[in-house]
Amino acid sequence: AAGGGGTISNMCWGANNQGQAGQGNTTNYSSPVLVGEKDTWAKVAAGYQWKGATKSDGTLWGWGYNSQGQIGDGTTTNRSLPVQIGALTTWLNCDGGYNTAGAVKTDGTMWTWGKNTNGQLGLNDLTARSSPTQVGALTTWSKISFGYIHTAALKADGTLWGMGHNYWGPLGQGNTTQQSSPVQVGALTTWLDCGAGYAFTVATKTDGTLWACGKNGYGELGQGATTPDRKTSPVQVGALTNWSKVACCNNSAMAIKTDGTLWGWGRNQYGELGTGNTTSYSSPVQIGALTNWSKISGSLGYPDAHFVAIKTDGTLWSWGSNALGALGDGTTTARSSPVQIGALTTWLECASGYKSGIALEGPPP
């Protein structure tokens, strides 16, 4: 469990027009505020105007905007306080997208719910769900990552899968055919991490290489150019072999290398690449010179683009657009370089939502 079993603070900030800050009201907050009381929170997720989280007891919770059932409580009623999703105690991790949500259980099954207009839930139809619904019958799923209207997922056997909208080729199938059930990306079993943005996907392999497919209008595929404007099969980003973790934000992407450095590429309209400017880059550029970046998450939805990250020293950072306090730094000023959120050094998990964020803070593991 996060925090070695100790109590953890669930903190939210930013836009709260739909109750996504979990305060029982609709007041915006430009600095982190505690959601309820300290508890044994373990993982967090953020989508378009809603939040989700798991606890170390295996329960799953959601709050905020619920027009498509994305909270997963069987209704389409907004919630300004966390509500438990079902009664199961086997939830492991969760992720959120644009009015969609999903989670993996401890038994390796994958479940999705919310908006499904393009088959992004992987349930072989285009029907929205207001409660978690199992994707197939397999028990080997390890991670799910939602883009705007497509989804990427990893299995424990190292295979990479996609589902949903595919006009730009983010499913990596070599075509532009929409898929409402998971389809495997190639035949490799060496995929390590994945992230989904607006119509593109990035992923790393166990050999440390970095790959991308889909839309490339802002250089989000990292190919050194914005032409061609799409790649329907994964293409390697450069030749380096020390890439590790990835995250996407609308039309931009960021990655952490095994040496702890942070890199970004793609659109940079609001300074979301953290490079100190608003210049877009079609190849990865390093953000500062630090070597202690640990975790990274990006937002989805316009007009908003920002990232939140945690360093190995337990500090919490954010950058990009800052409407309604999305960066949590106590202001509404956009930042083109990482800015620290408060002074605490005990942050454990983080997720970036539409004009908002969520993070867990507590005793170190």
Protein backbone atom coordinates (compact mmCIF):
# COMPACT_ATOMS: atom_id res chain seq x y z
CA ALA A 1 0.00 0.00 0.00
CA ALA A 2 1.08 3.57 -0.59
CA GLY A 3 2.79 5.09 2.38
CA GLY A 4 3.64 1.71 3.84
CA GLY A 5 0.11 1.34 5.18
CA GLY A 6 0.01 4.74 6.92
CA THR A 7 -2.70 7.33 6.42
CA ILE A 8 -2.43 9.35 3.22
CA SER A 9 -3.86 12.78 2.35
CA ASN A 10 -5.89 12.93 -0.87
CA MET A 11 -5.36 16.46 -2.20
CA CYS A 12 -7.17 18.17 -5.08
CA TRP A 13 -6.89 21.61 -6.70
CA GLY A 14 -8.03 23.66 -9.68
CA ALA A 15 -11.42 23.75 -11.36
CA ASN A 16 -14.33 22.60 -9.22
CA ASN A 17 -17.41 23.59 -11.23
CA GLN A 18 -18.63 19.98 -11.19
CA GLY A 19 -17.44 19.09 -7.69
CA GLN A 20 -14.21 17.50 -8.94
CA ALA A 21 -12.23 18.90 -6.01
CA GLY A 22 -14.25 16.66 -3.69
CA GLN A 23 -15.12 19.42 -1.23
CA GLY A 24 -18.90 19.19 -1.27
CA ASN A 25 -19.08 22.50 -3.14
CA THR A 26 -18.25 24.07 -6.51
CA THR A 27 -15.57 26.55 -5.40
CA ASN A 28 -12.33 26.60 -7.40
CA TYR A 29 -9.06 26.11 -5.50
CA SER A 30 -5.66 27.33 -6.71
CA SER A 31 -3.81 25.36 -4.02
CA PRO A 32 -4.24 21.73 -2.88
CA VAL A 33 -7.10 21.06 -0.46
CA LEU A 34 -7.71 17.89 1.53
CA VAL A 35 -10.49 15.60 0.26
CA GLY A 36 -12.30 14.30 3.33
CA GLU A 37 -10.01 12.92 6.01
CA LYS A 38 -6.68 11.19 5.73
CA ASP A 39 -7.11 7.57 4.76
CA THR A 40 -5.23 4.70 3.15
CA TRP A 41 -5.39 6.13 -0.39
CA ALA A 42 -3.19 4.29 -2.88
CA LYS A 43 -3.63 5.41 -6.52
CA VAL A 44 -5.28 8.40 -8.21
CA ALA A 45 -6.83 9.21 -11.60
CA ALA A 46 -8.09 12.40 -13.21
CA GLY A 47 -10.29 12.89 -16.24
CA TYR A 48 -12.41 15.63 -17.73
CA GLN A 49 -13.89 17.37 -14.68
CA TRP A 50 -13.87 14.29 -12.46
CA LYS A 51 -11.46 12.37 -10.22
CA GLY A 52 -11.01 8.78 -9.11
CA ALA A 53 -8.87 6.92 -6.59
CA THR A 54 -8.24 3.54 -5.04
CA LYS A 55 -7.45 2.76 -1.43
CA SER A 56 -5.02 0.18 -0.11
CA ASP A 57 -8.03 -1.88 1.00
CA GLY A 58 -8.85 -2.37 -2.69
CA THR A 59 -11.91 -0.11 -2.82
CA LEU A 60 -12.52 2.30 -5.72
CA TRP A 61 -13.91 5.82 -5.43
CA GLY A 62 -15.02 8.61 -7.78
CA TRP A 63 -16.37 12.17 -7.72
CA GLY A 64 -17.11 15.15 -9.97
CA TYR A 65 -18.79 15.35 -13.38
CA ASN A 66 -20.84 12.27 -14.26
CA SER A 67 -22.84 13.00 -17.43
CA GLN A 68 -21.64 9.79 -19.13
CA GLY A 69 -21.43 7.62 -16.01
CA GLN A 70 -17.67 8.18 -15.79
CA ILE A 71 -17.70 8.10 -12.00
CA GLY A 72 -18.91 4.50 -12.22
CA ASP A 73 -21.49 4.56 -9.43
CA GLY A 74 -24.36 3.39 -11.65
CA THR A 75 -25.79 6.89 -12.12
CA THR A 76 -25.22 10.02 -14.18
CA THR A 77 -25.49 12.28 -11.13
CA ASN A 78 -22.61 14.64 -10.36
CA ARG A 79 -20.88 14.02 -7.03
CA SER A 80 -19.02 16.72 -5.11
CA LEU A 81 -17.80 14.21 -2.51
CA PRO A 82 -16.16 10.82 -3.15
CA VAL A 83 -18.56 7.91 -3.55
CA GLN A 84 -17.56 4.26 -3.49
CA ILE A 85 -17.90 2.39 -6.75
CA GLY A 86 -19.54 -0.90 -5.90
CA ALA A 87 -18.41 -2.95 -2.91
CA LEU A 88 -15.44 -4.85 -4.32
CA THR A 89 -12.06 -4.74 -2.60
CA THR A 90 -9.90 -5.96 -5.47
CA TRP A 91 -9.15 -2.76 -7.41
CA LEU A 92 -5.46 -2.19 -8.14
CA ASN A 93 -5.10 0.95 -10.27
CA CYS A 94 -7.26 3.31 -12.29
CA ASP A 95 -7.03 5.86 -15.10
CA GLY A 96 -9.25 8.57 -16.56
CA GLY A 97 -9.83 10.12 -19.97
CA TYR A 98 -12.33 12.40 -21.61
CA ASN A 99 -15.53 11.28 -19.79
CA THR A 100 -14.18 7.73 -19.69
CA ALA A 101 -12.60 5.68 -16.95
CA GLY A 102 -11.07 2.29 -16.37
CA ALA A 103 -9.25 0.18 -13.86
CA VAL A 104 -7.34 -3.06 -13.46
CA LYS A 105 -8.09 -5.44 -10.60
CA THR A 106 -5.65 -7.51 -8.60
CA ASP A 107 -6.76 -10.58 -10.58
CA GLY A 108 -5.53 -8.95 -13.81
CA THR A 109 -8.97 -8.24 -15.25
CA MET A 110 -9.65 -4.87 -16.90
CA TRP A 111 -12.84 -2.88 -16.44
CA THR A 112 -14.07 0.30 -18.17
CA TRP A 113 -17.02 2.70 -17.94
CA GLY A 114 -18.25 6.10 -19.12
CA LYS A 115 -18.43 7.55 -22.62
CA ASN A 116 -18.07 5.05 -25.48
CA THR A 117 -18.97 6.85 -28.71
CA ASN A 118 -15.90 5.47 -30.50
CA GLY A 119 -15.56 2.10 -28.80
CA GLN A 120 -12.86 3.40 -26.48
CA LEU A 121 -14.17 1.23 -23.64
CA GLY A 122 -13.24 -1.92 -25.59
CA LEU A 123 -16.61 -3.57 -24.93
CA ASN A 124 -17.38 -4.44 -28.57
CA ASP A 125 -20.10 -1.77 -28.85
CA LEU A 126 -20.61 1.99 -28.70
CA THR A 127 -22.80 2.04 -25.59
CA ALA A 128 -21.91 4.17 -22.58
CA ARG A 129 -21.65 2.46 -19.18
CA SER A 130 -22.31 3.97 -15.76
CA SER A 131 -20.80 1.02 -13.88
CA PRO A 132 -17.51 -0.85 -14.38
CA THR A 133 -17.85 -3.48 -17.12
CA GLN A 134 -15.26 -6.16 -17.76
CA VAL A 135 -13.30 -5.99 -21.01
CA GLY A 136 -13.23 -9.55 -22.32
CA ALA A 137 -12.27 -12.39 -20.00
CA LEU A 138 -8.48 -12.13 -19.86
CA THR A 139 -6.65 -11.90 -16.54
CA THR A 140 -3.31 -10.52 -17.70
CA TRP A 141 -3.92 -6.75 -17.93
CA SER A 142 -1.53 -4.45 -16.06
CA LYS A 143 -2.20 -0.85 -17.18
CA ILE A 144 -4.80 1.22 -19.02
CA SER A 145 -4.22 4.71 -20.44
CA PHE A 146 -7.04 6.81 -21.89
CA GLY A 147 -6.59 9.35 -24.64
CA TYR A 148 -9.23 11.73 -25.89
CA ILE A 149 -11.29 9.09 -27.74
CA HIS A 150 -8.95 6.10 -27.88
CA THR A 151 -7.33 3.86 -25.31
CA ALA A 152 -3.97 2.12 -24.92
CA ALA A 153 -3.37 -0.79 -22.56
CA LEU A 154 -0.60 -3.12 -21.49
CA LYS A 155 -0.66 -6.74 -20.44
CA ALA A 156 1.66 -8.41 -17.98
CA ASP A 157 3.14 -10.42 -20.86
CA GLY A 158 4.54 -7.22 -22.38
CA THR A 159 2.03 -6.88 -25.21
CA LEU A 160 0.51 -3.51 -26.19
CA TRP A 161 -3.14 -3.07 -27.15
CA GLY A 162 -5.40 -0.31 -28.45
CA MET A 163 -9.11 0.38 -28.89
CA GLY A 164 -11.40 3.20 -29.99
CA HIS A 165 -11.07 6.01 -32.52
CA ASN A 166 -8.37 5.40 -35.13
CA TYR A 167 -8.68 8.03 -37.87
CA TRP A 168 -5.11 9.19 -37.24
CA GLY A 169 -3.77 5.71 -36.51
CA PRO A 170 -3.17 5.89 -32.71
CA LEU A 171 -4.07 2.21 -32.38
CA GLY A 172 -0.90 1.26 -34.26
CA GLN A 173 -2.61 -1.17 -36.62
CA GLY A 174 -1.21 0.16 -39.89
CA ASN A 175 -4.70 1.38 -40.80
CA THR A 176 -7.33 3.91 -39.73
CA THR A 177 -10.12 1.50 -38.83
CA GLN A 178 -11.96 2.16 -35.57
CA GLN A 179 -11.90 -0.74 -33.10
CA SER A 180 -14.43 -1.32 -30.33
CA SER A 181 -12.52 -4.27 -28.86
CA PRO A 182 -8.83 -4.40 -27.90
CA VAL A 183 -6.47 -5.10 -30.81
CA GLN A 184 -2.80 -5.98 -30.34
CA VAL A 185 -0.10 -3.63 -31.62
CA GLY A 186 2.20 -5.93 -33.56
CA ALA A 187 3.40 -9.14 -31.95
CA LEU A 188 6.13 -7.91 -29.60
CA THR A 189 6.15 -8.81 -25.91
CA THR A 190 8.63 -6.15 -24.80
CA TRP A 191 6.42 -3.12 -24.19
CA LEU A 192 7.07 -1.41 -20.84
CA ASP A 193 4.91 1.72 -20.52
CA CYS A 194 2.32 3.59 -22.59
CA GLY A 195 0.48 6.87 -22.73
CA ALA A 196 -2.41 8.14 -24.86
CA GLY A 197 -3.05 11.74 -25.96
CA TYR A 198 -5.30 13.40 -28.49
CA ALA A 199 -5.23 10.84 -31.34
CA PHE A 200 -1.68 9.61 -30.68
CA THR A 201 0.04 7.02 -28.51
CA VAL A 202 3.57 6.82 -27.11
CA ALA A 203 5.18 3.79 -25.53
CA THR A 204 8.50 2.49 -24.29
CA LYS A 205 9.99 -0.97 -24.58
CA THR A 206 12.06 -2.97 -22.13
CA ASP A 207 15.13 -2.25 -24.27
CA GLY A 208 14.71 1.45 -23.45
CA THR A 209 13.54 2.54 -26.89
CA LEU A 210 10.70 5.03 -27.39
CA TRP A 211 7.93 4.65 -29.97
CA ALA A 212 4.90 6.62 -31.14
CA CYS A 213 1.99 6.41 -33.59
CA GLY A 214 -1.00 8.48 -34.61
CA LYS A 215 -1.46 12.20 -35.19
CA ASN A 216 1.65 14.32 -35.79
CA GLY A 217 0.32 17.81 -36.54
CA TYR A 218 2.39 19.39 -33.75
CA GLY A 219 5.33 16.99 -33.76
CA GLU A 220 3.83 14.79 -31.05
CA LEU A 221 5.41 11.70 -32.63
CA GLY A 222 8.90 13.09 -31.98
CA GLN A 223 10.12 12.52 -35.53
CA GLY A 224 11.84 15.88 -36.00
CA ALA A 225 9.08 17.14 -38.29
CA THR A 226 5.31 17.48 -38.45
CA THR A 227 5.14 15.67 -41.80
CA PRO A 228 3.74 13.23 -42.52
CA ASP A 229 0.83 14.28 -40.32
CA ARG A 230 0.19 10.76 -39.10
CA LYS A 231 1.80 7.34 -38.63
CA THR A 232 -0.57 4.40 -38.38
CA SER A 233 2.14 2.03 -37.09
CA PRO A 234 4.60 2.73 -34.25
CA VAL A 235 7.77 4.56 -35.30
CA GLN A 236 10.87 4.86 -33.11
CA VAL A 237 11.65 8.23 -31.55
CA GLY A 238 15.37 8.75 -32.08
CA ALA A 239 17.83 5.97 -31.35
CA LEU A 240 18.35 6.22 -27.59
CA THR A 241 17.83 3.21 -25.33
CA ASN A 242 17.28 4.79 -21.93
CA TRP A 243 13.62 5.83 -22.05
CA SER A 244 11.41 4.69 -19.19
CA LYS A 245 8.09 6.39 -18.31
CA VAL A 246 5.77 8.35 -20.62
CA ALA A 247 2.76 10.65 -20.34
CA CYS A 248 0.61 12.56 -22.83
CA CYS A 249 -1.29 15.83 -22.77
CA ASN A 250 -3.55 16.67 -25.71
CA ASN A 251 -0.96 17.27 -28.50
CA SER A 252 2.23 16.93 -26.50
CA ALA A 253 4.15 14.21 -24.69
CA MET A 254 6.75 13.91 -21.97
CA ALA A 255 9.03 11.11 -20.88
CA ILE A 256 11.41 10.31 -18.05
CA LYS A 257 14.65 8.51 -18.83
CA THR A 258 16.32 5.91 -16.67
CA ASP A 259 18.81 8.62 -15.62
CA GLY A 260 15.98 10.67 -14.11
CA THR A 261 16.00 13.41 -16.74
CA LEU A 262 12.73 14.82 -18.11
CA TRP A 263 12.01 15.39 -21.81
CA GLY A 264 9.11 16.82 -23.81
CA TRP A 265 7.95 17.29 -27.38
CA GLY A 266 4.91 18.32 -29.41
CA ARG A 267 2.64 21.32 -28.96
CA ASN A 268 3.67 23.97 -26.46
CA GLN A 269 0.92 26.59 -26.66
CA TYR A 270 0.70 27.17 -22.91
CA GLY A 271 4.26 26.24 -21.98
CA GLU A 272 3.14 22.67 -21.27
CA LEU A 273 6.52 21.26 -22.31
CA GLY A 274 8.21 23.10 -19.44
CA THR A 275 10.98 24.47 -21.66
CA GLY A 276 10.65 28.08 -20.49
CA ASN A 277 8.97 29.17 -23.72
CA THR A 278 5.93 28.45 -25.88
CA THR A 279 7.83 26.98 -28.84
CA SER A 280 6.61 23.63 -30.11
CA TYR A 281 9.21 20.90 -30.66
CA SER A 282 9.00 17.92 -33.01
CA SER A 283 11.88 16.11 -31.27
CA PRO A 284 12.39 15.50 -27.53
CA VAL A 285 14.02 18.39 -25.66
CA GLN A 286 15.29 18.20 -22.11
CA ILE A 287 13.52 20.18 -19.38
CA GLY A 288 16.24 21.70 -17.24
CA ALA A 289 19.23 19.63 -16.14
CA LEU A 290 17.86 17.78 -13.11
CA THR A 291 18.15 14.01 -12.83
CA ASN A 292 15.58 13.30 -10.13
CA TRP A 293 12.23 13.16 -11.94
CA SER A 294 10.15 10.17 -10.90
CA LYS A 295 6.47 10.36 -11.98
CA ILE A 296 4.59 12.35 -14.63
CA SER A 297 0.96 12.89 -15.69
CA GLY A 298 -0.70 15.09 -18.35
CA SER A 299 -4.17 16.59 -18.76
CA LEU A 300 -6.72 16.06 -21.54
CA GLY A 301 -9.26 18.57 -22.84
CA TYR A 302 -9.28 22.04 -24.40
CA PRO A 303 -8.52 24.81 -23.68
CA ASP A 304 -6.10 23.33 -21.18
CA ALA A 305 -2.69 21.68 -21.32
CA HIS A 306 -0.55 21.07 -18.28
CA PHE A 307 1.56 18.41 -16.57
CA VAL A 308 2.09 17.49 -12.95
CA ALA A 309 5.11 15.51 -11.75
CA ILE A 310 6.86 14.17 -8.67
CA LYS A 311 10.61 14.08 -8.05
CA THR A 312 12.53 11.41 -6.17
CA ASP A 313 12.86 13.85 -3.26
CA GLY A 314 9.06 13.76 -2.83
CA THR A 315 8.40 17.28 -4.11
CA LEU A 316 5.44 18.05 -6.40
CA TRP A 317 5.72 20.18 -9.56
CA SER A 318 3.49 21.43 -12.37
CA TRP A 319 3.63 23.61 -15.50
CA GLY A 320 1.53 24.72 -18.47
CA SER A 321 -1.86 26.42 -18.53
CA ASN A 322 -3.20 27.55 -15.18
CA ALA A 323 -6.81 28.60 -15.66
CA LEU A 324 -8.83 28.20 -12.45
CA GLY A 325 -5.71 27.18 -10.53
CA ALA A 326 -4.88 24.06 -12.55
CA LEU A 327 -1.23 24.11 -11.46
CA GLY A 328 -1.97 24.25 -7.73
CA ASP A 329 0.69 26.90 -7.07
CA GLY A 330 -1.73 29.39 -5.52
CA THR A 331 -2.07 31.46 -8.70
CA THR A 332 -3.83 31.37 -12.05
CA THR A 333 -0.70 32.35 -13.99
CA ALA A 334 0.47 30.01 -16.75
CA ARG A 335 3.98 28.60 -16.23
CA SER A 336 6.34 27.56 -19.01
CA SER A 337 8.82 26.05 -16.54
CA PRO A 338 8.15 23.62 -13.68
CA VAL A 339 6.95 25.36 -10.50
CA GLN A 340 6.86 23.62 -7.12
CA ILE A 341 3.49 23.09 -5.44
CA GLY A 342 4.01 24.03 -1.80
CA ALA A 343 7.07 22.87 0.13
CA LEU A 344 6.18 19.33 1.15
CA THR A 345 8.55 16.46 0.36
CA THR A 346 6.18 13.55 0.94
CA TRP A 347 4.14 13.39 -2.28
CA LEU A 348 3.52 9.84 -3.47
CA GLU A 349 1.18 9.82 -6.51
CA CYS A 350 -0.23 12.43 -8.89
CA ALA A 351 -2.61 12.84 -11.82
CA SER A 352 -3.46 15.80 -14.03
CA GLY A 353 -7.08 16.50 -14.98
CA TYR A 354 -8.83 19.13 -17.04
CA LYS A 355 -7.83 22.46 -15.43
CA SER A 356 -7.15 20.58 -12.21
CA GLY A 357 -4.98 18.08 -10.42
CA ILE A 358 -4.91 15.45 -7.72
CA ALA A 359 -2.08 14.01 -5.64
CA LEU A 360 -1.51 11.84 -2.61
CA GLU A 361 0.67 13.08 0.22
CA GLY A 362 1.71 11.24 3.33
CA PRO A 363 4.45 9.43 5.19
CA PRO A 364 7.20 7.98 2.97
CA PRO A 365 6.99 4.26 2.15
